[in-house]
Amino acid sequence: MTMISPGGKSLPFFYEKLRSYDSLSIARQMRGRKFDSTLILGTASRCRFGCPRVVVCSPLRALLPFPTSFWLTCPWLVRFVGGIESERGVEGLEHWIERHAPDEWIPFNVDHQRIRLALLPGATSNFLRRYMPRVFERIRGGGVGGIRYDTKTRRVRVKCIHLQVASWLALRRHPGGGWLDAQKAGQDCRGGMKDFCVYRTKEG
């Protein structure tokens, strides 16, 4: 188990290094979706059957920023959340946060900045600071999924429900957690896709 401490008053963030069979399970889950498996650093959330459902991604790909620290891999949940999003979920979550937790949105995005920087190896971070400062600032300056937030207007802009659910499951908290919970965005397939996601090893 790896601990990433984003600093400040926030709780530390833990993620698990990939198990020997996780890569094959994730490859099945991501089939047909555009995704670079070399970005995966570990898993941040598993379903009741032990399958990865949120993975942790490197903030850098080929010396370019990769803004999504948490990626939703569970194919059942991806479809379910897509249904929420299609029913004006982005607008619904934005309005809920603005009404119930407006002061939590910016700190939550700042935590994502800190986590993203903490995921960078020290030598890489120093290299970027010195030789590629624009890349470093792009990594440092974005919140959830690289979202740029306006500290003056304090407008809540969630961009994508999949990003928010992945962050909620990975960090076990979210300013809109009450809304996400009401939408049942944390449930799983209850076994309906277990045989698809679970990679069977000789040991079990």
C-alpha atoms as a PDB file:
ATOM      1  CA  MET A   1       0.000   0.000   0.000  1.00  0.00           C
ATOM      2  CA  THR A   2       1.451   3.366  -1.014  1.00  0.00           C
ATOM      3  CA  MET A   3       0.623   6.548   0.859  1.00  0.00           C
ATOM      4  CA  ILE A   4       0.448   9.918  -0.876  1.00  0.00           C
ATOM      5  CA  SER A   5       0.039  12.812   1.542  1.00  0.00           C
ATOM      6  CA  PRO A   6      -1.345  15.868  -0.243  1.00  0.00           C
ATOM      7  CA  GLY A   7      -0.426  18.119   2.649  1.00  0.00           C
ATOM      8  CA  GLY A   8      -2.475  20.662   4.526  1.00  0.00           C
ATOM      9  CA  LYS A   9      -5.377  19.422   6.612  1.00  0.00           C
ATOM     10  CA  SER A  10      -6.475  16.800   4.109  1.00  0.00           C
ATOM     11  CA  LEU A  11      -6.398  13.121   4.909  1.00  0.00           C
ATOM     12  CA  PRO A  12      -3.604  11.095   3.264  1.00  0.00           C
ATOM     13  CA  PHE A  13      -4.485   9.256   0.077  1.00  0.00           C
ATOM     14  CA  PHE A  14      -3.647   5.553  -0.196  1.00  0.00           C
ATOM     15  CA  TYR A  15      -3.410   3.447  -3.305  1.00  0.00           C
ATOM     16  CA  GLU A  16      -2.340  -0.108  -3.972  1.00  0.00           C
ATOM     17  CA  LYS A  17       0.301  -1.207  -6.432  1.00  0.00           C
ATOM     18  CA  LEU A  18      -1.035  -3.444  -9.195  1.00  0.00           C
ATOM     19  CA  ARG A  19      -1.341  -7.103  -8.334  1.00  0.00           C
ATOM     20  CA  SER A  20       0.077  -9.640 -10.775  1.00  0.00           C
ATOM     21  CA  TYR A  21      -3.285 -10.214 -12.482  1.00  0.00           C
ATOM     22  CA  ASP A  22      -4.671  -6.656 -12.331  1.00  0.00           C
ATOM     23  CA  SER A  23      -3.205  -5.584 -15.662  1.00  0.00           C
ATOM     24  CA  LEU A  24      -5.054  -8.355 -17.486  1.00  0.00           C
ATOM     25  CA  SER A  25      -8.304  -7.529 -15.700  1.00  0.00           C
ATOM     26  CA  ILE A  26      -7.948  -3.850 -16.560  1.00  0.00           C
ATOM     27  CA  ALA A  27      -7.155  -4.696 -20.184  1.00  0.00           C
ATOM     28  CA  ARG A  28     -10.480  -6.552 -20.362  1.00  0.00           C
ATOM     29  CA  GLN A  29     -12.335  -3.715 -18.685  1.00  0.00           C
ATOM     30  CA  MET A  30     -10.870  -1.084 -21.006  1.00  0.00           C
ATOM     31  CA  ARG A  31     -11.360  -3.065 -24.221  1.00  0.00           C
ATOM     32  CA  GLY A  32     -12.663  -0.761 -26.932  1.00  0.00           C
ATOM     33  CA  ARG A  33     -11.781   2.379 -24.976  1.00  0.00           C
ATOM     34  CA  LYS A  34      -8.819   4.620 -25.698  1.00  0.00           C
ATOM     35  CA  PHE A  35      -6.417   4.242 -22.797  1.00  0.00           C
ATOM     36  CA  ASP A  36      -2.648   3.952 -22.307  1.00  0.00           C
ATOM     37  CA  SER A  37      -1.996   1.176 -19.789  1.00  0.00           C
ATOM     38  CA  THR A  38       1.572   2.414 -19.172  1.00  0.00           C
ATOM     39  CA  LEU A  39       0.080   5.347 -17.263  1.00  0.00           C
ATOM     40  CA  ILE A  40      -1.314   3.143 -14.489  1.00  0.00           C
ATOM     41  CA  LEU A  41       0.464   3.429 -11.144  1.00  0.00           C
ATOM     42  CA  GLY A  42      -1.943   1.353  -9.084  1.00  0.00           C
ATOM     43  CA  THR A  43      -5.527   0.876  -7.949  1.00  0.00           C
ATOM     44  CA  ALA A  44      -7.437   3.256  -5.696  1.00  0.00           C
ATOM     45  CA  SER A  45     -10.734   1.384  -5.430  1.00  0.00           C
ATOM     46  CA  ARG A  46     -11.929  -2.186  -5.939  1.00  0.00           C
ATOM     47  CA  CYS A  47     -15.395  -3.661  -6.171  1.00  0.00           C
ATOM     48  CA  ARG A  48     -16.689  -6.326  -3.779  1.00  0.00           C
ATOM     49  CA  PHE A  49     -15.145  -9.032  -5.993  1.00  0.00           C
ATOM     50  CA  GLY A  50     -11.662  -7.527  -5.793  1.00  0.00           C
ATOM     51  CA  CYS A  51     -11.642  -6.147  -9.334  1.00  0.00           C
ATOM     52  CA  PRO A  52     -10.128  -2.723  -9.986  1.00  0.00           C
ATOM     53  CA  ARG A  53     -12.739  -0.060 -10.561  1.00  0.00           C
ATOM     54  CA  VAL A  54     -10.598   3.082 -10.206  1.00  0.00           C
ATOM     55  CA  VAL A  55      -6.930   3.254 -11.179  1.00  0.00           C
ATOM     56  CA  VAL A  56      -4.318   5.884 -10.342  1.00  0.00           C
ATOM     57  CA  CYS A  57      -2.590   7.449 -13.340  1.00  0.00           C
ATOM     58  CA  SER A  58       0.767   9.109 -13.794  1.00  0.00           C
ATOM     59  CA  PRO A  59       0.514  12.895 -14.234  1.00  0.00           C
ATOM     60  CA  LEU A  60       2.991  12.745 -17.120  1.00  0.00           C
ATOM     61  CA  ARG A  61       2.872  10.921 -20.454  1.00  0.00           C
ATOM     62  CA  ALA A  62       5.780  11.344 -22.887  1.00  0.00           C
ATOM     63  CA  LEU A  63       6.720  14.613 -21.152  1.00  0.00           C
ATOM     64  CA  LEU A  64       3.201  15.978 -21.597  1.00  0.00           C
ATOM     65  CA  PRO A  65       0.684  16.511 -18.781  1.00  0.00           C
ATOM     66  CA  PHE A  66      -1.916  13.814 -18.241  1.00  0.00           C
ATOM     67  CA  PRO A  67      -4.618  15.535 -16.162  1.00  0.00           C
ATOM     68  CA  THR A  68      -6.679  12.572 -14.960  1.00  0.00           C
ATOM     69  CA  SER A  69      -5.264  11.222 -11.710  1.00  0.00           C
ATOM     70  CA  PHE A  70      -8.151   8.773 -11.263  1.00  0.00           C
ATOM     71  CA  TRP A  71      -9.704   6.746 -14.072  1.00  0.00           C
ATOM     72  CA  LEU A  72     -12.927   4.773 -13.800  1.00  0.00           C
ATOM     73  CA  THR A  73     -12.327   1.306 -15.286  1.00  0.00           C
ATOM     74  CA  CYS A  74     -15.339  -0.758 -14.159  1.00  0.00           C
ATOM     75  CA  PRO A  75     -17.312  -1.201 -17.413  1.00  0.00           C
ATOM     76  CA  TRP A  76     -20.631  -1.617 -15.613  1.00  0.00           C
ATOM     77  CA  LEU A  77     -20.112   1.535 -13.574  1.00  0.00           C
ATOM     78  CA  VAL A  78     -18.897   3.463 -16.629  1.00  0.00           C
ATOM     79  CA  ARG A  79     -22.200   2.728 -18.363  1.00  0.00           C
ATOM     80  CA  PHE A  80     -24.250   3.457 -15.255  1.00  0.00           C
ATOM     81  CA  VAL A  81     -22.547   6.809 -14.698  1.00  0.00           C
ATOM     82  CA  GLY A  82     -22.953   7.579 -18.388  1.00  0.00           C
ATOM     83  CA  GLY A  83     -26.687   7.266 -17.840  1.00  0.00           C
ATOM     84  CA  ILE A  84     -26.520   9.758 -14.964  1.00  0.00           C
ATOM     85  CA  GLU A  85     -24.545  12.171 -17.117  1.00  0.00           C
ATOM     86  CA  SER A  86     -26.997  11.884 -20.002  1.00  0.00           C
ATOM     87  CA  GLU A  87     -29.792  12.990 -17.646  1.00  0.00           C
ATOM     88  CA  ARG A  88     -28.132  16.390 -17.131  1.00  0.00           C
ATOM     89  CA  GLY A  89     -25.984  15.005 -14.332  1.00  0.00           C
ATOM     90  CA  VAL A  90     -23.216  17.559 -14.784  1.00  0.00           C
ATOM     91  CA  GLU A  91     -25.657  20.405 -14.210  1.00  0.00           C
ATOM     92  CA  GLY A  92     -27.284  18.572 -11.322  1.00  0.00           C
ATOM     93  CA  LEU A  93     -23.995  17.995  -9.490  1.00  0.00           C
ATOM     94  CA  GLU A  94     -22.838  21.570 -10.069  1.00  0.00           C
ATOM     95  CA  HIS A  95     -26.058  22.976  -8.638  1.00  0.00           C
ATOM     96  CA  TRP A  96     -25.936  20.603  -5.652  1.00  0.00           C
ATOM     97  CA  ILE A  97     -22.380  21.630  -4.734  1.00  0.00           C
ATOM     98  CA  GLU A  98     -23.177  25.329  -5.191  1.00  0.00           C
ATOM     99  CA  ARG A  99     -26.103  24.952  -2.817  1.00  0.00           C
ATOM    100  CA  HIS A 100     -24.736  22.554  -0.209  1.00  0.00           C
ATOM    101  CA  ALA A 101     -20.930  22.712  -0.248  1.00  0.00           C
ATOM    102  CA  PRO A 102     -19.673  25.756  -2.205  1.00  0.00           C
ATOM    103  CA  ASP A 103     -16.712  26.336   0.111  1.00  0.00           C
ATOM    104  CA  GLU A 104     -15.451  22.777  -0.323  1.00  0.00           C
ATOM    105  CA  TRP A 105     -15.043  22.799  -4.098  1.00  0.00           C
ATOM    106  CA  ILE A 106     -11.842  24.851  -4.431  1.00  0.00           C
ATOM    107  CA  PRO A 107      -9.993  23.048  -1.576  1.00  0.00           C
ATOM    108  CA  PHE A 108     -10.974  19.730  -3.157  1.00  0.00           C
ATOM    109  CA  ASN A 109      -9.405  20.816  -6.443  1.00  0.00           C
ATOM    110  CA  VAL A 110      -6.300  22.036  -4.605  1.00  0.00           C
ATOM    111  CA  ASP A 111      -5.980  18.567  -3.081  1.00  0.00           C
ATOM    112  CA  HIS A 112      -5.957  17.137  -6.596  1.00  0.00           C
ATOM    113  CA  GLN A 113      -3.093  19.490  -7.464  1.00  0.00           C
ATOM    114  CA  ARG A 114      -1.124  18.282  -4.446  1.00  0.00           C
ATOM    115  CA  ILE A 115      -1.806  14.644  -5.199  1.00  0.00           C
ATOM    116  CA  ARG A 116      -0.751  15.077  -8.831  1.00  0.00           C
ATOM    117  CA  LEU A 117       2.524  16.711  -7.782  1.00  0.00           C
ATOM    118  CA  ALA A 118       3.127  14.034  -5.148  1.00  0.00           C
ATOM    119  CA  LEU A 119       2.737  11.346  -7.820  1.00  0.00           C
ATOM    120  CA  LEU A 120       5.639  12.856  -9.780  1.00  0.00           C
ATOM    121  CA  PRO A 121       9.043  11.362  -8.882  1.00  0.00           C
ATOM    122  CA  GLY A 122      11.272  13.983  -7.304  1.00  0.00           C
ATOM    123  CA  ALA A 123      13.854  13.929 -10.092  1.00  0.00           C
ATOM    124  CA  THR A 124      11.138  14.314 -12.727  1.00  0.00           C
ATOM    125  CA  SER A 125       9.553  17.197 -10.858  1.00  0.00           C
ATOM    126  CA  ASN A 126      12.900  18.988 -10.591  1.00  0.00           C
ATOM    127  CA  PHE A 127      13.595  18.417 -14.287  1.00  0.00           C
ATOM    128  CA  LEU A 128      10.253  19.877 -15.286  1.00  0.00           C
ATOM    129  CA  ARG A 129      10.657  22.876 -13.000  1.00  0.00           C
ATOM    130  CA  ARG A 130      14.024  23.693 -14.524  1.00  0.00           C
ATOM    131  CA  TYR A 131      13.685  22.774 -18.187  1.00  0.00           C
ATOM    132  CA  MET A 132       9.953  22.574 -18.897  1.00  0.00           C
ATOM    133  CA  PRO A 133       8.285  25.095 -16.577  1.00  0.00           C
ATOM    134  CA  ARG A 134       5.151  25.411 -18.738  1.00  0.00           C
ATOM    135  CA  VAL A 135       4.525  21.687 -18.512  1.00  0.00           C
ATOM    136  CA  PHE A 136       5.115  21.788 -14.773  1.00  0.00           C
ATOM    137  CA  GLU A 137       2.642  24.659 -14.346  1.00  0.00           C
ATOM    138  CA  ARG A 138       0.000  22.819 -16.359  1.00  0.00           C
ATOM    139  CA  ILE A 139       0.393  19.817 -14.067  1.00  0.00           C
ATOM    140  CA  ARG A 140       0.406  21.985 -10.965  1.00  0.00           C
ATOM    141  CA  GLY A 141      -2.409  24.327 -11.942  1.00  0.00           C
ATOM    142  CA  GLY A 142      -5.297  21.967 -12.721  1.00  0.00           C
ATOM    143  CA  GLY A 143      -7.826  20.481 -10.319  1.00  0.00           C
ATOM    144  CA  VAL A 144     -10.012  17.407 -10.841  1.00  0.00           C
ATOM    145  CA  GLY A 145      -9.193  16.040 -14.294  1.00  0.00           C
ATOM    146  CA  GLY A 146      -7.172  19.185 -15.008  1.00  0.00           C
ATOM    147  CA  ILE A 147     -10.218  21.427 -14.556  1.00  0.00           C
ATOM    148  CA  ARG A 148      -9.259  25.077 -14.159  1.00  0.00           C
ATOM    149  CA  TYR A 149     -11.311  26.679 -11.424  1.00  0.00           C
ATOM    150  CA  ASP A 150     -11.931  30.405 -10.995  1.00  0.00           C
ATOM    151  CA  THR A 151     -11.113  31.557  -7.474  1.00  0.00           C
ATOM    152  CA  LYS A 152     -12.792  34.922  -8.146  1.00  0.00           C
ATOM    153  CA  THR A 153     -16.198  33.754  -9.359  1.00  0.00           C
ATOM    154  CA  ARG A 154     -15.978  30.519  -7.332  1.00  0.00           C
ATOM    155  CA  ARG A 155     -18.060  28.861 -10.029  1.00  0.00           C
ATOM    156  CA  VAL A 156     -18.429  25.091  -9.721  1.00  0.00           C
ATOM    157  CA  ARG A 157     -17.594  23.345 -12.987  1.00  0.00           C
ATOM    158  CA  VAL A 158     -17.438  19.563 -12.747  1.00  0.00           C
ATOM    159  CA  LYS A 159     -16.954  18.871 -16.492  1.00  0.00           C
ATOM    160  CA  CYS A 160     -17.594  15.102 -16.375  1.00  0.00           C
ATOM    161  CA  ILE A 161     -19.438  12.849 -13.923  1.00  0.00           C
ATOM    162  CA  HIS A 162     -17.037   9.960 -14.593  1.00  0.00           C
ATOM    163  CA  LEU A 163     -14.154  12.111 -13.314  1.00  0.00           C
ATOM    164  CA  GLN A 164     -16.084  13.009 -10.192  1.00  0.00           C
ATOM    165  CA  VAL A 165     -17.146   9.435  -9.404  1.00  0.00           C
ATOM    166  CA  ALA A 166     -13.577   8.199  -9.887  1.00  0.00           C
ATOM    167  CA  SER A 167     -12.300  10.882  -7.497  1.00  0.00           C
ATOM    168  CA  TRP A 168     -15.085  10.171  -4.986  1.00  0.00           C
ATOM    169  CA  LEU A 169     -14.346   6.436  -4.914  1.00  0.00           C
ATOM    170  CA  ALA A 170     -10.570   6.915  -4.816  1.00  0.00           C
ATOM    171  CA  LEU A 171     -10.481   9.549  -2.069  1.00  0.00           C
ATOM    172  CA  ARG A 172     -13.639   8.355  -0.275  1.00  0.00           C
ATOM    173  CA  ARG A 173     -14.857  11.934  -0.102  1.00  0.00           C
ATOM    174  CA  HIS A 174     -16.180  14.613  -2.447  1.00  0.00           C
ATOM    175  CA  PRO A 175     -17.939  17.975  -2.014  1.00  0.00           C
ATOM    176  CA  GLY A 176     -20.858  16.479  -3.922  1.00  0.00           C
ATOM    177  CA  GLY A 177     -20.718  13.137  -2.153  1.00  0.00           C
ATOM    178  CA  GLY A 178     -24.302  13.458  -0.950  1.00  0.00           C
ATOM    179  CA  TRP A 179     -25.553  13.924  -4.505  1.00  0.00           C
ATOM    180  CA  LEU A 180     -23.390  11.114  -5.887  1.00  0.00           C
ATOM    181  CA  ASP A 181     -24.597   8.796  -3.144  1.00  0.00           C
ATOM    182  CA  ALA A 182     -28.221   9.684  -3.895  1.00  0.00           C
ATOM    183  CA  GLN A 183     -27.611   8.745  -7.541  1.00  0.00           C
ATOM    184  CA  LYS A 184     -26.204   5.390  -6.334  1.00  0.00           C
ATOM    185  CA  ALA A 185     -23.014   6.143  -8.246  1.00  0.00           C
ATOM    186  CA  GLY A 186     -20.927   3.927  -5.973  1.00  0.00           C
ATOM    187  CA  GLN A 187     -22.729   0.645  -6.573  1.00  0.00           C
ATOM    188  CA  ASP A 188     -21.417  -2.269  -8.634  1.00  0.00           C
ATOM    189  CA  CYS A 189     -22.734  -4.949 -10.972  1.00  0.00           C
ATOM    190  CA  ARG A 190     -23.585  -7.303  -8.064  1.00  0.00           C
ATOM    191  CA  GLY A 191     -21.878 -10.114  -9.916  1.00  0.00           C
ATOM    192  CA  GLY A 192     -23.358  -9.531 -13.337  1.00  0.00           C
ATOM    193  CA  MET A 193     -19.945  -8.883 -14.886  1.00  0.00           C
ATOM    194  CA  LYS A 194     -17.753 -10.727 -12.411  1.00  0.00           C
ATOM    195  CA  ASP A 195     -16.638 -13.377 -14.891  1.00  0.00           C
ATOM    196  CA  PHE A 196     -15.725 -10.675 -17.395  1.00  0.00           C
ATOM    197  CA  CYS A 197     -13.599  -8.586 -15.034  1.00  0.00           C
ATOM    198  CA  VAL A 198     -11.981 -11.276 -12.873  1.00  0.00           C
ATOM    199  CA  TYR A 199      -8.871 -12.730 -14.424  1.00  0.00           C
ATOM    200  CA  ARG A 200      -8.566 -16.345 -13.345  1.00  0.00           C
ATOM    201  CA  THR A 201      -5.103 -17.416 -12.236  1.00  0.00           C
ATOM    202  CA  LYS A 202      -3.855 -20.932 -11.630  1.00  0.00           C
ATOM    203  CA  GLU A 203      -3.997 -20.155  -7.927  1.00  0.00           C
ATOM    204  CA  GLY A 204      -7.680 -19.228  -8.066  1.00  0.00           C
END
